[in-house]
Amino acid sequence: MVSLATNLYSYHRDLGNKRKVQLETIKLLISCYFFSGLLLCQQYSISIFGFHAADVSLLRDSTSMEFKTNNRGLFDLIWPTSNIYKTRFNHGDFSVKGWDKTIKQGSYEKTLSGSLNSGGYMEYKNKEMIKVENATHTIFTLLELVSTRDKDYLDTRWFPYEHEGSLGRARFIWADSSNQWKGMDSIACNHYRFDIEINDSTKHIKTNDHFMNNIIRPDCVRELWISKANPQKIILAKISIKSMPVLARIQIDKET
């Protein structure tokens, strides 16, 4: 009886661990396609391994962007998510002026915002403040930047970086020129590695936003393919976490 009870306990423990690993894997996958979905188009859907994973919309003008994503299908059943990220930036250099987000992941809901004041401090909704460098960027402003500048300007240049209370730097490293499929045709692209280094997280604001938490992990490898023809666009994005590469291709419904 003791042996049977021990075996049953081990079985349920292993089953629980497997389910936990599966859920964490799904969260990583969703983090990957959030990154892959940051394209300059208005409406599109994202598929992972042939499964419809999310519907995404992006509203933008010359000084702001609003990115919305909603899980669909199997992903929505397992881990329903509806997130909104808004960013305001300077028109000339795309440096951040302010941002806010609303996160809904299962039963978890959270809002957070930051705004740059005249003294060069980022003020957060929780009343915390942190001094940032001139022309500081976030992940969203950098994705706007990479869609407008050429590789001679971008390659290996470090940009000051702010990430919900954490500070660091980010850069794009040009890897090669290659073609990527876009709809029914291939398009010539510049391929970049996208590096993010966090060197001060003492005032990091903790939330359960799996995209924002995973995208700055030291073991996260980020890649972008930017069309060479004007207007430049992010055609493809790829990240790898824990040596698990995930590539999400965008099925574009409408473009601007």
C-alpha atoms as a PDB file:
ATOM      1  CA  MET A   1       0.000   0.000   0.000  1.00  0.00           C
ATOM      2  CA  VAL A   2       2.819   2.399   0.874  1.00  0.00           C
ATOM      3  CA  SER A   3       4.467   1.670  -2.478  1.00  0.00           C
ATOM      4  CA  LEU A   4       1.179   2.207  -4.329  1.00  0.00           C
ATOM      5  CA  ALA A   5       0.537   5.490  -2.527  1.00  0.00           C
ATOM      6  CA  THR A   6       4.068   6.645  -3.293  1.00  0.00           C
ATOM      7  CA  ASN A   7       3.668   5.776  -6.968  1.00  0.00           C
ATOM      8  CA  LEU A   8       0.328   7.594  -7.175  1.00  0.00           C
ATOM      9  CA  TYR A   9       1.836  10.640  -5.497  1.00  0.00           C
ATOM     10  CA  SER A  10       4.765  10.602  -7.917  1.00  0.00           C
ATOM     11  CA  TYR A  11       2.388  10.216 -10.867  1.00  0.00           C
ATOM     12  CA  HIS A  12       0.239  13.210  -9.883  1.00  0.00           C
ATOM     13  CA  ARG A  13       3.314  15.271  -9.073  1.00  0.00           C
ATOM     14  CA  ASP A  14       4.835  14.501 -12.485  1.00  0.00           C
ATOM     15  CA  LEU A  15       1.498  15.226 -14.187  1.00  0.00           C
ATOM     16  CA  GLY A  16       1.277  18.552 -12.402  1.00  0.00           C
ATOM     17  CA  ASN A  17       4.841  19.402 -13.388  1.00  0.00           C
ATOM     18  CA  LYS A  18       4.133  18.517 -17.024  1.00  0.00           C
ATOM     19  CA  ARG A  19       1.074  20.761 -17.075  1.00  0.00           C
ATOM     20  CA  LYS A  20       3.088  23.569 -15.511  1.00  0.00           C
ATOM     21  CA  VAL A  21       5.815  23.156 -18.138  1.00  0.00           C
ATOM     22  CA  GLN A  22       3.187  23.097 -20.924  1.00  0.00           C
ATOM     23  CA  LEU A  23       1.587  26.296 -19.634  1.00  0.00           C
ATOM     24  CA  GLU A  24       4.951  28.044 -19.335  1.00  0.00           C
ATOM     25  CA  THR A  25       5.807  26.913 -22.883  1.00  0.00           C
ATOM     26  CA  ILE A  26       2.551  28.400 -24.166  1.00  0.00           C
ATOM     27  CA  LYS A  27       3.340  31.667 -22.373  1.00  0.00           C
ATOM     28  CA  LEU A  28       6.758  31.741 -24.036  1.00  0.00           C
ATOM     29  CA  LEU A  29       5.179  31.075 -27.432  1.00  0.00           C
ATOM     30  CA  ILE A  30       2.700  33.892 -26.910  1.00  0.00           C
ATOM     31  CA  SER A  31       5.523  36.195 -25.863  1.00  0.00           C
ATOM     32  CA  CYS A  32       7.264  35.273 -29.107  1.00  0.00           C
ATOM     33  CA  TYR A  33       4.340  36.103 -31.342  1.00  0.00           C
ATOM     34  CA  PHE A  34       3.663  39.398 -29.519  1.00  0.00           C
ATOM     35  CA  PHE A  35       7.161  40.428 -30.557  1.00  0.00           C
ATOM     36  CA  SER A  36       6.619  39.026 -34.038  1.00  0.00           C
ATOM     37  CA  GLY A  37       3.374  40.947 -34.419  1.00  0.00           C
ATOM     38  CA  LEU A  38       4.837  44.433 -34.210  1.00  0.00           C
ATOM     39  CA  LEU A  39       4.468  45.211 -37.903  1.00  0.00           C
ATOM     40  CA  LEU A  40       3.448  48.399 -39.652  1.00  0.00           C
ATOM     41  CA  CYS A  41       0.024  47.246 -40.779  1.00  0.00           C
ATOM     42  CA  GLN A  42      -3.426  47.836 -39.398  1.00  0.00           C
ATOM     43  CA  GLN A  43      -4.986  44.401 -39.135  1.00  0.00           C
ATOM     44  CA  TYR A  44      -3.504  40.944 -39.365  1.00  0.00           C
ATOM     45  CA  SER A  45      -3.590  37.521 -37.803  1.00  0.00           C
ATOM     46  CA  ILE A  46      -0.757  35.477 -36.376  1.00  0.00           C
ATOM     47  CA  SER A  47      -0.284  31.734 -36.707  1.00  0.00           C
ATOM     48  CA  ILE A  48       2.134  29.518 -34.785  1.00  0.00           C
ATOM     49  CA  PHE A  49       2.894  26.038 -36.093  1.00  0.00           C
ATOM     50  CA  GLY A  50      -0.148  26.368 -38.361  1.00  0.00           C
ATOM     51  CA  PHE A  51      -2.542  27.288 -35.526  1.00  0.00           C
ATOM     52  CA  HIS A  52      -4.372  30.622 -35.461  1.00  0.00           C
ATOM     53  CA  ALA A  53      -2.977  32.188 -32.291  1.00  0.00           C
ATOM     54  CA  ALA A  54      -4.072  35.833 -32.204  1.00  0.00           C
ATOM     55  CA  ASP A  55      -5.671  38.780 -33.920  1.00  0.00           C
ATOM     56  CA  VAL A  56      -3.660  41.984 -33.827  1.00  0.00           C
ATOM     57  CA  SER A  57      -4.323  45.599 -34.742  1.00  0.00           C
ATOM     58  CA  LEU A  58      -1.931  48.538 -34.842  1.00  0.00           C
ATOM     59  CA  LEU A  59      -3.049  52.169 -34.978  1.00  0.00           C
ATOM     60  CA  ARG A  60      -0.249  54.668 -35.515  1.00  0.00           C
ATOM     61  CA  ASP A  61       0.555  58.188 -36.618  1.00  0.00           C
ATOM     62  CA  SER A  62       3.738  60.261 -36.697  1.00  0.00           C
ATOM     63  CA  THR A  63       4.006  60.588 -32.897  1.00  0.00           C
ATOM     64  CA  SER A  64       2.131  57.650 -31.351  1.00  0.00           C
ATOM     65  CA  MET A  65       1.153  54.026 -31.716  1.00  0.00           C
ATOM     66  CA  GLU A  66      -1.437  51.730 -30.148  1.00  0.00           C
ATOM     67  CA  PHE A  67      -0.876  47.995 -30.306  1.00  0.00           C
ATOM     68  CA  LYS A  68      -3.715  45.596 -29.423  1.00  0.00           C
ATOM     69  CA  THR A  69      -3.601  41.823 -29.323  1.00  0.00           C
ATOM     70  CA  ASN A  70      -6.179  39.166 -28.502  1.00  0.00           C
ATOM     71  CA  ASN A  71      -5.632  35.419 -28.289  1.00  0.00           C
ATOM     72  CA  ARG A  72      -7.758  33.220 -30.505  1.00  0.00           C
ATOM     73  CA  GLY A  73      -8.625  29.544 -30.868  1.00  0.00           C
ATOM     74  CA  LEU A  74      -6.738  27.010 -28.753  1.00  0.00           C
ATOM     75  CA  PHE A  75      -4.485  29.692 -27.279  1.00  0.00           C
ATOM     76  CA  ASP A  76      -7.524  31.648 -26.083  1.00  0.00           C
ATOM     77  CA  LEU A  77      -9.005  28.549 -24.451  1.00  0.00           C
ATOM     78  CA  ILE A  78      -5.805  27.694 -22.600  1.00  0.00           C
ATOM     79  CA  TRP A  79      -4.642  31.197 -21.739  1.00  0.00           C
ATOM     80  CA  PRO A  80      -7.035  34.047 -22.706  1.00  0.00           C
ATOM     81  CA  THR A  81      -5.160  37.298 -23.227  1.00  0.00           C
ATOM     82  CA  SER A  82      -6.159  40.796 -24.305  1.00  0.00           C
ATOM     83  CA  ASN A  83      -3.414  43.421 -24.046  1.00  0.00           C
ATOM     84  CA  ILE A  84      -3.146  47.059 -25.158  1.00  0.00           C
ATOM     85  CA  TYR A  85       0.153  48.959 -25.393  1.00  0.00           C
ATOM     86  CA  LYS A  86       0.195  52.702 -26.177  1.00  0.00           C
ATOM     87  CA  THR A  87       3.344  54.727 -26.792  1.00  0.00           C
ATOM     88  CA  ARG A  88       3.993  58.410 -27.484  1.00  0.00           C
ATOM     89  CA  PHE A  89       7.297  59.422 -29.062  1.00  0.00           C
ATOM     90  CA  ASN A  90       9.163  62.348 -30.607  1.00  0.00           C
ATOM     91  CA  HIS A  91       8.691  62.602 -34.353  1.00  0.00           C
ATOM     92  CA  GLY A  92      12.345  63.319 -35.139  1.00  0.00           C
ATOM     93  CA  ASP A  93      14.285  60.623 -33.295  1.00  0.00           C
ATOM     94  CA  PHE A  94      11.438  58.364 -32.035  1.00  0.00           C
ATOM     95  CA  SER A  95      12.606  58.745 -28.431  1.00  0.00           C
ATOM     96  CA  VAL A  96       9.917  57.993 -25.871  1.00  0.00           C
ATOM     97  CA  LYS A  97       7.653  60.678 -24.389  1.00  0.00           C
ATOM     98  CA  GLY A  98       5.307  58.348 -22.525  1.00  0.00           C
ATOM     99  CA  TRP A  99       3.578  54.991 -22.536  1.00  0.00           C
ATOM    100  CA  ASP A 100       0.752  53.089 -20.904  1.00  0.00           C
ATOM    101  CA  LYS A 101      -0.573  49.564 -21.048  1.00  0.00           C
ATOM    102  CA  THR A 102      -3.587  47.520 -20.010  1.00  0.00           C
ATOM    103  CA  ILE A 103      -2.955  43.823 -19.427  1.00  0.00           C
ATOM    104  CA  LYS A 104      -5.638  41.144 -19.231  1.00  0.00           C
ATOM    105  CA  GLN A 105      -4.229  37.633 -18.956  1.00  0.00           C
ATOM    106  CA  GLY A 106      -6.721  35.117 -17.611  1.00  0.00           C
ATOM    107  CA  SER A 107      -7.950  36.483 -14.268  1.00  0.00           C
ATOM    108  CA  TYR A 108      -5.004  38.889 -14.044  1.00  0.00           C
ATOM    109  CA  GLU A 109      -5.612  42.558 -14.909  1.00  0.00           C
ATOM    110  CA  LYS A 110      -3.153  45.424 -14.581  1.00  0.00           C
ATOM    111  CA  THR A 111      -2.648  48.964 -15.855  1.00  0.00           C
ATOM    112  CA  LEU A 112       0.677  50.780 -15.848  1.00  0.00           C
ATOM    113  CA  SER A 113       1.976  54.022 -17.347  1.00  0.00           C
ATOM    114  CA  GLY A 114       5.073  56.194 -17.558  1.00  0.00           C
ATOM    115  CA  SER A 115       5.527  59.782 -18.716  1.00  0.00           C
ATOM    116  CA  LEU A 116       8.711  61.790 -19.299  1.00  0.00           C
ATOM    117  CA  ASN A 117       8.690  65.098 -17.421  1.00  0.00           C
ATOM    118  CA  SER A 118      10.552  68.303 -18.238  1.00  0.00           C
ATOM    119  CA  GLY A 119      13.357  67.419 -15.821  1.00  0.00           C
ATOM    120  CA  GLY A 120      14.278  64.245 -17.685  1.00  0.00           C
ATOM    121  CA  TYR A 121      12.624  61.871 -15.212  1.00  0.00           C
ATOM    122  CA  MET A 122      10.230  59.082 -16.155  1.00  0.00           C
ATOM    123  CA  GLU A 123       7.242  59.312 -13.819  1.00  0.00           C
ATOM    124  CA  TYR A 124       5.230  56.148 -13.268  1.00  0.00           C
ATOM    125  CA  LYS A 125       1.655  55.569 -12.215  1.00  0.00           C
ATOM    126  CA  ASN A 126       2.806  54.268  -8.821  1.00  0.00           C
ATOM    127  CA  LYS A 127       4.511  57.664  -8.171  1.00  0.00           C
ATOM    128  CA  GLU A 128       8.025  56.279  -8.653  1.00  0.00           C
ATOM    129  CA  MET A 129      10.472  58.356 -10.734  1.00  0.00           C
ATOM    130  CA  ILE A 130      13.722  57.465 -12.452  1.00  0.00           C
ATOM    131  CA  LYS A 131      16.237  59.633 -14.280  1.00  0.00           C
ATOM    132  CA  VAL A 132      16.666  58.647 -17.939  1.00  0.00           C
ATOM    133  CA  GLU A 133      19.184  59.697 -20.555  1.00  0.00           C
ATOM    134  CA  ASN A 134      18.335  62.048 -23.392  1.00  0.00           C
ATOM    135  CA  ALA A 135      16.672  60.356 -26.367  1.00  0.00           C
ATOM    136  CA  THR A 136      15.769  57.225 -24.419  1.00  0.00           C
ATOM    137  CA  HIS A 137      13.834  54.471 -26.196  1.00  0.00           C
ATOM    138  CA  THR A 138      11.492  51.609 -25.349  1.00  0.00           C
ATOM    139  CA  ILE A 139      10.979  48.403 -27.292  1.00  0.00           C
ATOM    140  CA  PHE A 140       8.086  50.005 -29.180  1.00  0.00           C
ATOM    141  CA  THR A 141       9.935  53.189 -30.171  1.00  0.00           C
ATOM    142  CA  LEU A 142      12.907  51.119 -31.324  1.00  0.00           C
ATOM    143  CA  LEU A 143      10.664  49.078 -33.603  1.00  0.00           C
ATOM    144  CA  GLU A 144       9.438  52.344 -35.097  1.00  0.00           C
ATOM    145  CA  LEU A 145      13.056  53.467 -35.476  1.00  0.00           C
ATOM    146  CA  VAL A 146      14.242  50.305 -37.237  1.00  0.00           C
ATOM    147  CA  SER A 147      11.408  50.723 -39.738  1.00  0.00           C
ATOM    148  CA  THR A 148      12.611  54.170 -40.809  1.00  0.00           C
ATOM    149  CA  ARG A 149      16.418  54.251 -40.641  1.00  0.00           C
ATOM    150  CA  ASP A 150      18.949  52.550 -42.927  1.00  0.00           C
ATOM    151  CA  LYS A 151      21.492  49.985 -41.812  1.00  0.00           C
ATOM    152  CA  ASP A 152      24.395  52.461 -41.934  1.00  0.00           C
ATOM    153  CA  TYR A 153      22.681  54.507 -39.227  1.00  0.00           C
ATOM    154  CA  LEU A 154      21.481  51.556 -37.146  1.00  0.00           C
ATOM    155  CA  ASP A 155      24.272  48.988 -37.272  1.00  0.00           C
ATOM    156  CA  THR A 156      25.940  48.483 -33.839  1.00  0.00           C
ATOM    157  CA  ARG A 157      24.738  51.884 -32.518  1.00  0.00           C
ATOM    158  CA  TRP A 158      23.679  51.747 -28.866  1.00  0.00           C
ATOM    159  CA  PHE A 159      20.481  53.545 -27.800  1.00  0.00           C
ATOM    160  CA  PRO A 160      19.509  54.386 -24.189  1.00  0.00           C
ATOM    161  CA  TYR A 161      16.694  52.055 -23.167  1.00  0.00           C
ATOM    162  CA  GLU A 162      13.902  52.143 -20.558  1.00  0.00           C
ATOM    163  CA  HIS A 163      11.740  49.150 -19.711  1.00  0.00           C
ATOM    164  CA  GLU A 164       9.087  49.707 -17.040  1.00  0.00           C
ATOM    165  CA  GLY A 165      11.529  51.082 -14.487  1.00  0.00           C
ATOM    166  CA  SER A 166      14.578  49.157 -15.676  1.00  0.00           C
ATOM    167  CA  LEU A 167      17.331  50.968 -17.548  1.00  0.00           C
ATOM    168  CA  GLY A 168      19.882  49.754 -20.058  1.00  0.00           C
ATOM    169  CA  ARG A 169      20.772  49.994 -23.706  1.00  0.00           C
ATOM    170  CA  ALA A 170      19.736  48.394 -26.993  1.00  0.00           C
ATOM    171  CA  ARG A 171      21.148  48.059 -30.487  1.00  0.00           C
ATOM    172  CA  PHE A 172      20.595  46.486 -33.905  1.00  0.00           C
ATOM    173  CA  ILE A 173      23.413  44.471 -35.459  1.00  0.00           C
ATOM    174  CA  TRP A 174      23.175  43.927 -39.203  1.00  0.00           C
ATOM    175  CA  ALA A 175      23.637  40.245 -40.056  1.00  0.00           C
ATOM    176  CA  ASP A 176      22.986  39.890 -43.794  1.00  0.00           C
ATOM    177  CA  SER A 177      20.707  40.636 -46.718  1.00  0.00           C
ATOM    178  CA  SER A 178      18.138  37.980 -47.570  1.00  0.00           C
ATOM    179  CA  ASN A 179      14.719  37.455 -49.091  1.00  0.00           C
ATOM    180  CA  GLN A 180      11.625  36.731 -47.006  1.00  0.00           C
ATOM    181  CA  TRP A 181       8.170  35.741 -48.149  1.00  0.00           C
ATOM    182  CA  LYS A 182       5.514  38.445 -47.909  1.00  0.00           C
ATOM    183  CA  GLY A 183       2.151  37.235 -49.115  1.00  0.00           C
ATOM    184  CA  MET A 184       2.607  35.659 -52.543  1.00  0.00           C
ATOM    185  CA  ASP A 185       6.053  37.067 -53.263  1.00  0.00           C
ATOM    186  CA  SER A 186       9.498  37.379 -51.693  1.00  0.00           C
ATOM    187  CA  ILE A 187      10.992  40.694 -50.693  1.00  0.00           C
ATOM    188  CA  ALA A 188      14.604  41.783 -50.133  1.00  0.00           C
ATOM    189  CA  CYS A 189      15.316  42.456 -46.459  1.00  0.00           C
ATOM    190  CA  ASN A 190      18.023  43.603 -44.097  1.00  0.00           C
ATOM    191  CA  HIS A 191      18.394  41.049 -41.313  1.00  0.00           C
ATOM    192  CA  TYR A 192      19.275  42.355 -37.841  1.00  0.00           C
ATOM    193  CA  ARG A 193      19.937  40.905 -34.428  1.00  0.00           C
ATOM    194  CA  PHE A 194      18.203  43.013 -31.789  1.00  0.00           C
ATOM    195  CA  ASP A 195      20.168  43.224 -28.529  1.00  0.00           C
ATOM    196  CA  ILE A 196      18.775  44.503 -25.214  1.00  0.00           C
ATOM    197  CA  GLU A 197      21.005  44.854 -22.159  1.00  0.00           C
ATOM    198  CA  ILE A 198      19.519  45.788 -18.778  1.00  0.00           C
ATOM    199  CA  ASN A 199      22.078  47.183 -16.334  1.00  0.00           C
ATOM    200  CA  ASP A 200      19.848  48.764 -13.651  1.00  0.00           C
ATOM    201  CA  SER A 201      16.668  47.033 -12.474  1.00  0.00           C
ATOM    202  CA  THR A 202      16.535  48.452  -8.943  1.00  0.00           C
ATOM    203  CA  LYS A 203      13.287  50.326  -9.730  1.00  0.00           C
ATOM    204  CA  HIS A 204      11.765  47.755 -12.045  1.00  0.00           C
ATOM    205  CA  ILE A 205       7.977  47.625 -11.720  1.00  0.00           C
ATOM    206  CA  LYS A 206       6.898  43.996 -11.475  1.00  0.00           C
ATOM    207  CA  THR A 207       3.822  42.811 -13.353  1.00  0.00           C
ATOM    208  CA  ASN A 208       2.704  39.487 -14.830  1.00  0.00           C
ATOM    209  CA  ASP A 209       3.032  40.802 -18.382  1.00  0.00           C
ATOM    210  CA  HIS A 210       4.728  37.768 -19.940  1.00  0.00           C
ATOM    211  CA  PHE A 211       5.646  39.558 -23.151  1.00  0.00           C
ATOM    212  CA  MET A 212       7.439  42.448 -21.451  1.00  0.00           C
ATOM    213  CA  ASN A 213       9.049  40.140 -18.872  1.00  0.00           C
ATOM    214  CA  ASN A 214      10.390  37.624 -21.394  1.00  0.00           C
ATOM    215  CA  ILE A 215      11.517  40.001 -24.132  1.00  0.00           C
ATOM    216  CA  ILE A 216      14.368  41.380 -21.956  1.00  0.00           C
ATOM    217  CA  ARG A 217      15.608  38.038 -20.648  1.00  0.00           C
ATOM    218  CA  PRO A 218      19.391  37.575 -21.035  1.00  0.00           C
ATOM    219  CA  ASP A 219      18.802  34.256 -22.853  1.00  0.00           C
ATOM    220  CA  CYS A 220      16.344  35.792 -25.335  1.00  0.00           C
ATOM    221  CA  VAL A 221      17.694  36.083 -28.896  1.00  0.00           C
ATOM    222  CA  ARG A 222      15.741  38.546 -31.062  1.00  0.00           C
ATOM    223  CA  GLU A 223      15.913  38.885 -34.861  1.00  0.00           C
ATOM    224  CA  LEU A 224      14.210  41.182 -37.366  1.00  0.00           C
ATOM    225  CA  TRP A 225      13.937  41.235 -41.156  1.00  0.00           C
ATOM    226  CA  ILE A 226      13.250  44.741 -42.510  1.00  0.00           C
ATOM    227  CA  SER A 227      12.236  45.340 -46.113  1.00  0.00           C
ATOM    228  CA  LYS A 228      14.765  47.339 -48.119  1.00  0.00           C
ATOM    229  CA  ALA A 229      12.194  48.985 -50.374  1.00  0.00           C
ATOM    230  CA  ASN A 230      10.413  52.099 -49.131  1.00  0.00           C
ATOM    231  CA  PRO A 231       8.326  52.309 -47.112  1.00  0.00           C
ATOM    232  CA  GLN A 232      10.424  50.008 -44.927  1.00  0.00           C
ATOM    233  CA  LYS A 233       8.503  47.480 -42.873  1.00  0.00           C
ATOM    234  CA  ILE A 234       9.234  44.685 -40.456  1.00  0.00           C
ATOM    235  CA  ILE A 235       8.493  41.619 -42.570  1.00  0.00           C
ATOM    236  CA  LEU A 236       9.462  38.941 -40.090  1.00  0.00           C
ATOM    237  CA  ALA A 237      10.483  38.662 -36.444  1.00  0.00           C
ATOM    238  CA  LYS A 238      11.903  35.717 -34.559  1.00  0.00           C
ATOM    239  CA  ILE A 239      12.949  35.086 -30.995  1.00  0.00           C
ATOM    240  CA  SER A 240      14.519  32.135 -29.212  1.00  0.00           C
ATOM    241  CA  ILE A 241      14.156  31.501 -25.482  1.00  0.00           C
ATOM    242  CA  LYS A 242      15.711  28.593 -23.617  1.00  0.00           C
ATOM    243  CA  SER A 243      17.177  27.362 -26.924  1.00  0.00           C
ATOM    244  CA  MET A 244      13.600  27.027 -28.223  1.00  0.00           C
ATOM    245  CA  PRO A 245      13.319  28.933 -31.526  1.00  0.00           C
ATOM    246  CA  VAL A 246       9.845  30.193 -32.400  1.00  0.00           C
ATOM    247  CA  LEU A 247       9.121  31.878 -35.700  1.00  0.00           C
ATOM    248  CA  ALA A 248       5.783  33.514 -36.379  1.00  0.00           C
ATOM    249  CA  ARG A 249       4.892  34.587 -39.907  1.00  0.00           C
ATOM    250  CA  ILE A 250       2.254  37.218 -40.320  1.00  0.00           C
ATOM    251  CA  GLN A 251      -0.819  36.534 -42.431  1.00  0.00           C
ATOM    252  CA  ILE A 252      -1.575  40.103 -43.481  1.00  0.00           C
ATOM    253  CA  ASP A 253      -5.234  41.032 -43.954  1.00  0.00           C
ATOM    254  CA  LYS A 254      -4.845  44.749 -44.639  1.00  0.00           C
ATOM    255  CA  GLU A 255      -1.850  47.049 -44.964  1.00  0.00           C
ATOM    256  CA  THR A 256      -1.410  50.763 -44.823  1.00  0.00           C
END
